N, C-alpha and C. Protein backbone atom coordinates (compact mmCIF):
# COMPACT_ATOMS: atom_id res chain seq x y z
N MET A 1 57.04 80.61 132.36
CA MET A 1 57.91 81.22 131.25
C MET A 1 58.10 80.25 130.16
N VAL A 2 58.26 80.73 128.99
CA VAL A 2 58.51 79.89 127.93
C VAL A 2 59.91 79.43 127.80
N ARG A 3 59.95 78.19 127.42
CA ARG A 3 61.37 77.55 127.23
C ARG A 3 61.83 77.82 125.77
N ILE A 4 62.94 78.41 125.76
CA ILE A 4 63.51 78.75 124.39
C ILE A 4 64.53 77.55 123.90
N LYS A 5 64.26 77.04 122.75
CA LYS A 5 64.99 75.93 122.29
C LYS A 5 66.08 76.50 121.32
N THR A 6 67.33 75.89 121.47
CA THR A 6 68.33 76.44 120.54
C THR A 6 68.82 75.47 119.55
N SER A 7 68.01 74.51 119.24
CA SER A 7 68.39 73.53 118.35
C SER A 7 68.69 73.99 116.90
N VAL A 8 67.83 75.01 116.48
CA VAL A 8 68.08 75.51 115.20
C VAL A 8 69.33 76.32 115.13
N ALA A 9 69.65 77.10 116.14
CA ALA A 9 70.87 78.04 116.14
C ALA A 9 72.17 77.05 116.24
N SER A 10 72.03 76.02 117.19
CA SER A 10 73.16 75.20 117.34
C SER A 10 73.48 74.28 116.11
N HIS A 11 72.31 73.91 115.48
CA HIS A 11 72.57 73.12 114.27
C HIS A 11 73.23 73.94 113.26
N ARG A 12 72.72 75.27 113.09
CA ARG A 12 73.40 76.14 112.04
C ARG A 12 74.85 76.34 112.38
N ARG A 13 75.12 76.50 113.59
CA ARG A 13 76.56 76.75 113.97
C ARG A 13 77.44 75.61 113.76
N LYS A 14 76.91 74.47 114.05
CA LYS A 14 77.67 73.15 113.79
C LYS A 14 77.93 72.97 112.32
N LYS A 15 76.87 73.21 111.49
CA LYS A 15 76.94 73.15 110.09
C LYS A 15 78.04 74.05 109.45
N ARG A 16 78.17 75.21 110.07
CA ARG A 16 78.94 76.27 109.59
C ARG A 16 80.44 75.71 109.79
N VAL A 17 80.71 75.18 111.05
CA VAL A 17 82.09 74.66 111.33
C VAL A 17 82.37 73.50 110.52
N LEU A 18 81.48 72.53 110.34
CA LEU A 18 81.61 71.30 109.45
C LEU A 18 81.93 71.63 107.97
N LYS A 19 81.38 72.80 107.58
CA LYS A 19 81.60 73.16 106.26
C LYS A 19 83.00 73.74 105.95
N LYS A 20 83.46 74.42 107.04
CA LYS A 20 84.88 75.01 106.98
C LYS A 20 85.86 73.86 107.14
N ALA A 21 85.43 72.78 107.73
CA ALA A 21 86.39 71.55 107.98
C ALA A 21 86.30 70.61 106.82
N LYS A 22 85.47 70.83 105.82
CA LYS A 22 85.42 70.13 104.56
C LYS A 22 86.75 69.91 103.90
N GLY A 23 87.08 68.59 103.61
CA GLY A 23 88.45 68.51 103.01
C GLY A 23 89.46 68.01 103.95
N GLN A 24 89.27 68.13 105.22
CA GLN A 24 90.05 67.59 106.32
C GLN A 24 89.97 66.11 106.28
N PHE A 25 90.95 65.47 106.79
CA PHE A 25 91.06 64.00 106.79
C PHE A 25 90.36 63.28 108.08
N GLY A 26 89.59 62.26 107.81
CA GLY A 26 89.07 61.45 108.91
C GLY A 26 88.01 62.20 109.66
N GLN A 27 88.00 62.00 110.96
CA GLN A 27 87.01 62.54 111.76
C GLN A 27 87.03 64.08 111.87
N ARG A 28 88.13 64.74 111.49
CA ARG A 28 88.26 66.16 111.50
C ARG A 28 87.19 66.69 110.66
N SER A 29 86.65 66.04 109.56
CA SER A 29 85.57 66.65 108.80
C SER A 29 84.24 66.15 109.07
N ARG A 30 84.08 65.14 110.05
CA ARG A 30 82.67 64.71 110.34
C ARG A 30 82.29 64.93 111.76
N ASN A 31 83.33 64.76 112.79
CA ASN A 31 83.01 65.01 114.12
C ASN A 31 83.04 66.36 114.54
N TYR A 32 82.01 67.03 115.09
CA TYR A 32 82.00 68.45 115.32
C TYR A 32 83.02 68.88 116.26
N ILE A 33 83.31 68.26 117.37
CA ILE A 33 84.30 68.68 118.32
C ILE A 33 85.65 68.75 117.73
N GLN A 34 86.01 67.63 116.96
CA GLN A 34 87.30 67.57 116.28
C GLN A 34 87.32 68.57 115.17
N ALA A 35 86.31 68.80 114.48
CA ALA A 35 86.28 69.74 113.35
C ALA A 35 86.48 71.11 113.94
N LYS A 36 85.87 71.34 115.01
CA LYS A 36 86.04 72.76 115.64
C LYS A 36 87.39 73.07 115.96
N ARG A 37 88.15 72.05 116.66
CA ARG A 37 89.58 72.17 116.95
C ARG A 37 90.26 72.43 115.76
N SER A 38 90.03 71.69 114.64
CA SER A 38 90.96 71.68 113.49
C SER A 38 90.71 73.02 112.78
N VAL A 39 89.47 73.60 112.79
CA VAL A 39 89.22 74.78 112.15
C VAL A 39 89.83 75.90 112.81
N ILE A 40 89.89 75.94 114.14
CA ILE A 40 90.48 77.00 114.99
C ILE A 40 91.98 76.98 114.68
N LYS A 41 92.59 75.74 114.70
CA LYS A 41 94.03 75.64 114.38
C LYS A 41 94.39 76.08 113.00
N GLY A 42 93.55 75.77 112.00
CA GLY A 42 93.67 76.21 110.72
C GLY A 42 93.70 77.72 110.55
N LEU A 43 92.74 78.36 111.20
CA LEU A 43 92.70 79.71 111.15
C LEU A 43 93.96 80.51 111.90
N ILE A 44 94.38 79.85 112.92
CA ILE A 44 95.64 80.34 113.47
C ILE A 44 96.80 80.37 112.42
N TYR A 45 96.91 79.18 111.97
CA TYR A 45 98.07 78.98 110.85
C TYR A 45 97.80 79.98 109.75
N GLN A 46 96.66 80.30 109.28
CA GLN A 46 96.31 81.06 108.26
C GLN A 46 96.73 82.54 108.46
N TYR A 47 96.50 82.95 109.78
CA TYR A 47 96.87 84.27 110.13
C TYR A 47 98.47 84.31 110.34
N ARG A 48 99.00 83.31 110.86
CA ARG A 48 100.52 83.36 110.96
C ARG A 48 101.21 83.46 109.56
N ASP A 49 100.64 82.59 108.65
CA ASP A 49 101.40 82.45 107.36
C ASP A 49 101.18 83.64 106.43
N ARG A 50 100.11 84.40 106.71
CA ARG A 50 99.99 85.58 105.90
C ARG A 50 101.21 86.59 106.10
N LYS A 51 101.64 86.59 107.51
CA LYS A 51 102.86 87.40 107.71
C LYS A 51 104.12 86.77 107.25
N ALA A 52 104.14 85.42 107.40
CA ALA A 52 105.47 84.65 106.98
C ALA A 52 105.59 84.78 105.54
N LYS A 53 104.54 84.74 104.76
CA LYS A 53 104.68 84.71 103.31
C LYS A 53 105.38 85.99 102.83
N LYS A 54 105.15 87.19 103.43
CA LYS A 54 105.92 88.37 103.06
C LYS A 54 107.36 88.26 103.33
N ARG A 55 107.79 87.57 104.43
CA ARG A 55 109.14 87.37 104.79
C ARG A 55 109.82 86.43 103.84
N GLU A 56 109.09 85.36 103.49
CA GLU A 56 109.51 84.36 102.56
C GLU A 56 109.85 84.94 101.02
N PHE A 57 108.91 85.81 100.64
CA PHE A 57 109.10 86.32 99.34
C PHE A 57 110.22 87.40 99.28
N ARG A 58 110.38 88.19 100.38
CA ARG A 58 111.51 89.05 100.41
C ARG A 58 112.77 88.39 100.31
N ALA A 59 112.85 87.23 101.12
CA ALA A 59 114.15 86.46 101.15
C ALA A 59 114.40 85.81 99.67
N LEU A 60 113.37 85.43 98.99
CA LEU A 60 113.55 84.82 97.67
C LEU A 60 114.07 85.98 96.64
N TRP A 61 113.51 87.16 96.85
CA TRP A 61 113.96 88.23 96.03
C TRP A 61 115.41 88.49 96.17
N ILE A 62 115.86 88.55 97.45
CA ILE A 62 117.18 88.85 97.83
C ILE A 62 118.09 87.79 97.33
N ILE A 63 117.71 86.47 97.36
CA ILE A 63 118.65 85.40 96.83
C ILE A 63 118.60 85.56 95.25
N ARG A 64 117.65 85.92 94.56
CA ARG A 64 117.70 86.12 93.14
C ARG A 64 118.58 87.29 92.75
N ILE A 65 118.44 88.37 93.52
CA ILE A 65 119.28 89.53 93.23
C ILE A 65 120.77 89.22 93.49
N ASN A 66 121.05 88.45 94.57
CA ASN A 66 122.34 88.11 94.98
C ASN A 66 123.04 87.22 93.87
N ALA A 67 122.19 86.24 93.39
CA ALA A 67 122.79 85.39 92.37
C ALA A 67 123.23 86.19 91.09
N ALA A 68 122.23 87.12 90.57
CA ALA A 68 122.49 87.94 89.48
C ALA A 68 123.74 88.98 89.66
N CYS A 69 123.82 89.41 90.89
CA CYS A 69 124.97 90.25 91.21
C CYS A 69 126.29 89.39 91.20
N HIS A 70 126.31 88.27 91.65
CA HIS A 70 127.43 87.46 91.57
C HIS A 70 127.95 87.11 90.17
N GLU A 71 126.91 86.96 89.28
CA GLU A 71 127.10 86.80 88.00
C GLU A 71 127.79 87.93 87.25
N ALA A 72 127.36 89.08 87.75
CA ALA A 72 127.94 90.41 87.24
C ALA A 72 129.22 90.82 87.86
N GLY A 73 129.60 90.12 88.95
CA GLY A 73 130.92 90.33 89.57
C GLY A 73 130.86 91.39 90.60
N ILE A 74 129.73 91.57 91.40
CA ILE A 74 129.63 92.50 92.43
C ILE A 74 128.92 91.79 93.59
N LYS A 75 129.24 92.30 94.78
CA LYS A 75 128.63 91.82 95.99
C LYS A 75 127.31 92.41 96.10
N TYR A 76 126.36 91.71 96.68
CA TYR A 76 124.86 92.22 96.86
C TYR A 76 124.97 93.52 97.71
N SER A 77 125.76 93.44 98.79
CA SER A 77 125.68 94.61 99.68
C SER A 77 126.22 95.90 99.03
N ARG A 78 127.25 95.70 98.20
CA ARG A 78 127.80 96.82 97.41
C ARG A 78 126.83 97.38 96.35
N PHE A 79 126.14 96.39 95.84
CA PHE A 79 125.15 96.67 94.69
C PHE A 79 123.91 97.52 95.32
N ILE A 80 123.50 97.21 96.48
CA ILE A 80 122.40 97.96 97.17
C ILE A 80 123.00 99.24 97.61
N LYS A 81 124.12 99.25 98.20
CA LYS A 81 124.73 100.66 98.52
C LYS A 81 124.91 101.49 97.42
N GLY A 82 125.42 101.07 96.24
CA GLY A 82 125.59 101.74 95.11
C GLY A 82 124.23 102.35 94.45
N LEU A 83 123.21 101.56 94.45
CA LEU A 83 121.97 102.16 94.03
C LEU A 83 121.45 103.17 94.99
N LYS A 84 121.70 103.03 96.22
CA LYS A 84 121.33 104.03 97.22
C LYS A 84 122.09 105.32 97.04
N ASP A 85 123.28 105.15 96.70
CA ASP A 85 124.17 106.41 96.53
C ASP A 85 123.85 107.16 95.19
N ALA A 86 123.29 106.37 94.29
CA ALA A 86 122.97 106.82 92.93
C ALA A 86 121.50 107.37 92.94
N ASN A 87 120.83 107.31 94.15
CA ASN A 87 119.48 107.74 94.24
C ASN A 87 118.39 106.94 93.39
N ILE A 88 118.63 105.69 93.27
CA ILE A 88 117.84 104.77 92.49
C ILE A 88 116.95 104.05 93.48
N GLU A 89 115.60 104.34 93.53
CA GLU A 89 114.71 103.69 94.50
C GLU A 89 113.90 102.63 93.83
N LEU A 90 114.47 101.45 93.49
CA LEU A 90 113.81 100.29 93.16
C LEU A 90 113.56 99.27 94.32
N ASN A 91 112.38 98.71 94.41
CA ASN A 91 112.26 97.67 95.45
C ASN A 91 112.88 96.48 95.03
N ARG A 92 113.03 95.56 95.99
CA ARG A 92 113.60 94.22 95.66
C ARG A 92 112.94 93.30 94.88
N LYS A 93 111.61 93.46 94.83
CA LYS A 93 110.70 92.69 93.89
C LYS A 93 110.98 93.03 92.52
N VAL A 94 110.99 94.32 92.18
CA VAL A 94 111.27 94.71 90.83
C VAL A 94 112.67 94.39 90.43
N MET A 95 113.72 94.52 91.28
CA MET A 95 115.07 94.26 90.84
C MET A 95 115.11 92.71 90.54
N ALA A 96 114.46 91.82 91.47
CA ALA A 96 114.60 90.39 91.25
C ALA A 96 113.87 89.98 89.85
N GLU A 97 112.80 90.71 89.55
CA GLU A 97 112.02 90.47 88.32
C GLU A 97 112.95 90.90 87.08
N LEU A 98 113.65 91.99 87.26
CA LEU A 98 114.62 92.44 86.15
C LEU A 98 115.79 91.39 86.11
N ALA A 99 116.36 90.99 87.15
CA ALA A 99 117.26 89.87 87.20
C ALA A 99 116.95 88.74 86.38
N VAL A 100 115.72 88.23 86.50
CA VAL A 100 115.31 87.06 85.93
C VAL A 100 114.92 87.31 84.35
N THR A 101 114.06 88.34 84.13
CA THR A 101 113.44 88.47 82.90
C THR A 101 114.38 89.42 81.84
N ALA A 102 114.96 90.39 82.39
CA ALA A 102 115.79 91.31 81.73
C ALA A 102 117.14 91.40 82.19
N PRO A 103 118.05 90.61 81.92
CA PRO A 103 119.43 90.54 82.53
C PRO A 103 120.22 91.75 81.91
N ASP A 104 119.98 92.23 80.73
CA ASP A 104 120.63 93.35 80.15
C ASP A 104 120.38 94.66 81.04
N VAL A 105 119.17 94.81 81.42
CA VAL A 105 118.71 95.97 82.19
C VAL A 105 119.35 96.05 83.53
N PHE A 106 119.35 94.62 84.18
CA PHE A 106 119.91 94.46 85.47
C PHE A 106 121.52 94.80 85.30
N LYS A 107 122.11 94.46 84.27
CA LYS A 107 123.60 94.70 84.07
C LYS A 107 123.72 96.22 84.04
N GLU A 108 122.87 96.97 83.59
CA GLU A 108 122.93 98.47 83.57
C GLU A 108 122.78 99.00 84.90
N LEU A 109 121.96 98.41 85.72
CA LEU A 109 121.82 98.78 87.16
C LEU A 109 123.11 98.54 87.88
N VAL A 110 123.79 97.42 87.63
CA VAL A 110 125.03 97.06 88.16
C VAL A 110 126.19 98.06 87.92
N ASN A 111 126.07 98.50 86.50
CA ASN A 111 127.03 99.57 86.16
C ASN A 111 126.77 100.89 86.76
N ILE A 112 125.63 101.19 86.93
CA ILE A 112 125.27 102.40 87.73
C ILE A 112 125.75 102.45 89.16
N ALA A 113 125.45 101.18 89.80
CA ALA A 113 125.77 101.06 91.11
C ALA A 113 127.35 101.02 91.36
N GLN A 114 128.13 100.43 90.42
CA GLN A 114 129.45 100.54 90.58
C GLN A 114 130.12 101.85 90.37
N GLY A 115 129.48 102.66 89.51
CA GLY A 115 129.99 104.02 89.21
C GLY A 115 129.39 105.19 90.16
N ALA A 116 128.58 104.64 90.99
CA ALA A 116 127.93 105.79 91.92
C ALA A 116 129.06 106.29 93.01
N LYS A 117 128.91 107.55 93.18
CA LYS A 117 129.79 108.17 94.23
C LYS A 117 128.96 108.26 95.51
N PRO A 118 129.70 108.00 96.62
CA PRO A 118 128.95 108.07 97.87
C PRO A 118 128.51 109.41 98.20
N GLN A 119 127.45 109.52 98.72
CA GLN A 119 126.76 110.91 99.08
C GLN A 119 127.48 111.31 100.38
N ALA A 120 127.67 112.69 100.34
CA ALA A 120 128.40 113.23 101.52
C ALA A 120 127.34 113.30 102.59
N ALA A 121 127.67 112.95 103.73
CA ALA A 121 126.66 112.99 104.94
C ALA A 121 126.49 114.45 105.21
N ALA A 122 125.27 114.78 105.73
CA ALA A 122 124.88 116.07 106.18
C ALA A 122 125.78 116.44 107.37
N PRO A 123 126.29 117.66 107.34
CA PRO A 123 127.13 118.04 108.57
C PRO A 123 126.32 118.08 109.85
N ALA A 124 126.82 117.62 110.97
CA ALA A 124 126.27 117.67 112.22
C ALA A 124 126.14 119.13 112.73
N PRO A 125 125.21 119.42 113.51
CA PRO A 125 125.06 120.87 114.02
C PRO A 125 126.09 121.01 115.04
N ALA A 126 126.80 122.21 114.96
CA ALA A 126 127.83 122.45 116.00
C ALA A 126 127.30 122.56 117.47
N ALA A 127 128.03 121.97 118.34
CA ALA A 127 127.60 122.13 119.78
C ALA A 127 128.11 123.51 120.25
N LYS A 128 127.35 124.17 121.11
CA LYS A 128 127.67 125.42 121.70
C LYS A 128 128.02 125.34 123.05
């Protein structure tokens, strides 16, 4: 039976891992075993942080909107409730951008939110 050598495949595999570990400090970029560990850990962080990034940006937008609301003299929760009652569906990203770049437009949103009447809840079906 013919013996199959895997030197080409293993060399290619190791080269791929070391290429991904490029830029790491010390042995992490030169030693295959440590580079492999480092690359796997890096990929785990990468996956986790793609999710965390979305949470962090939403928190940032809320902080910006809250600061702009306090300048306008309204609480954040009442502002959001007022917009909901006025049927204005703007996401927090857009509202934060308006608060920073166009404060006059944001002030108009605050006025609309303050003047909005609460919507009447739909009547519950009668029990028989």
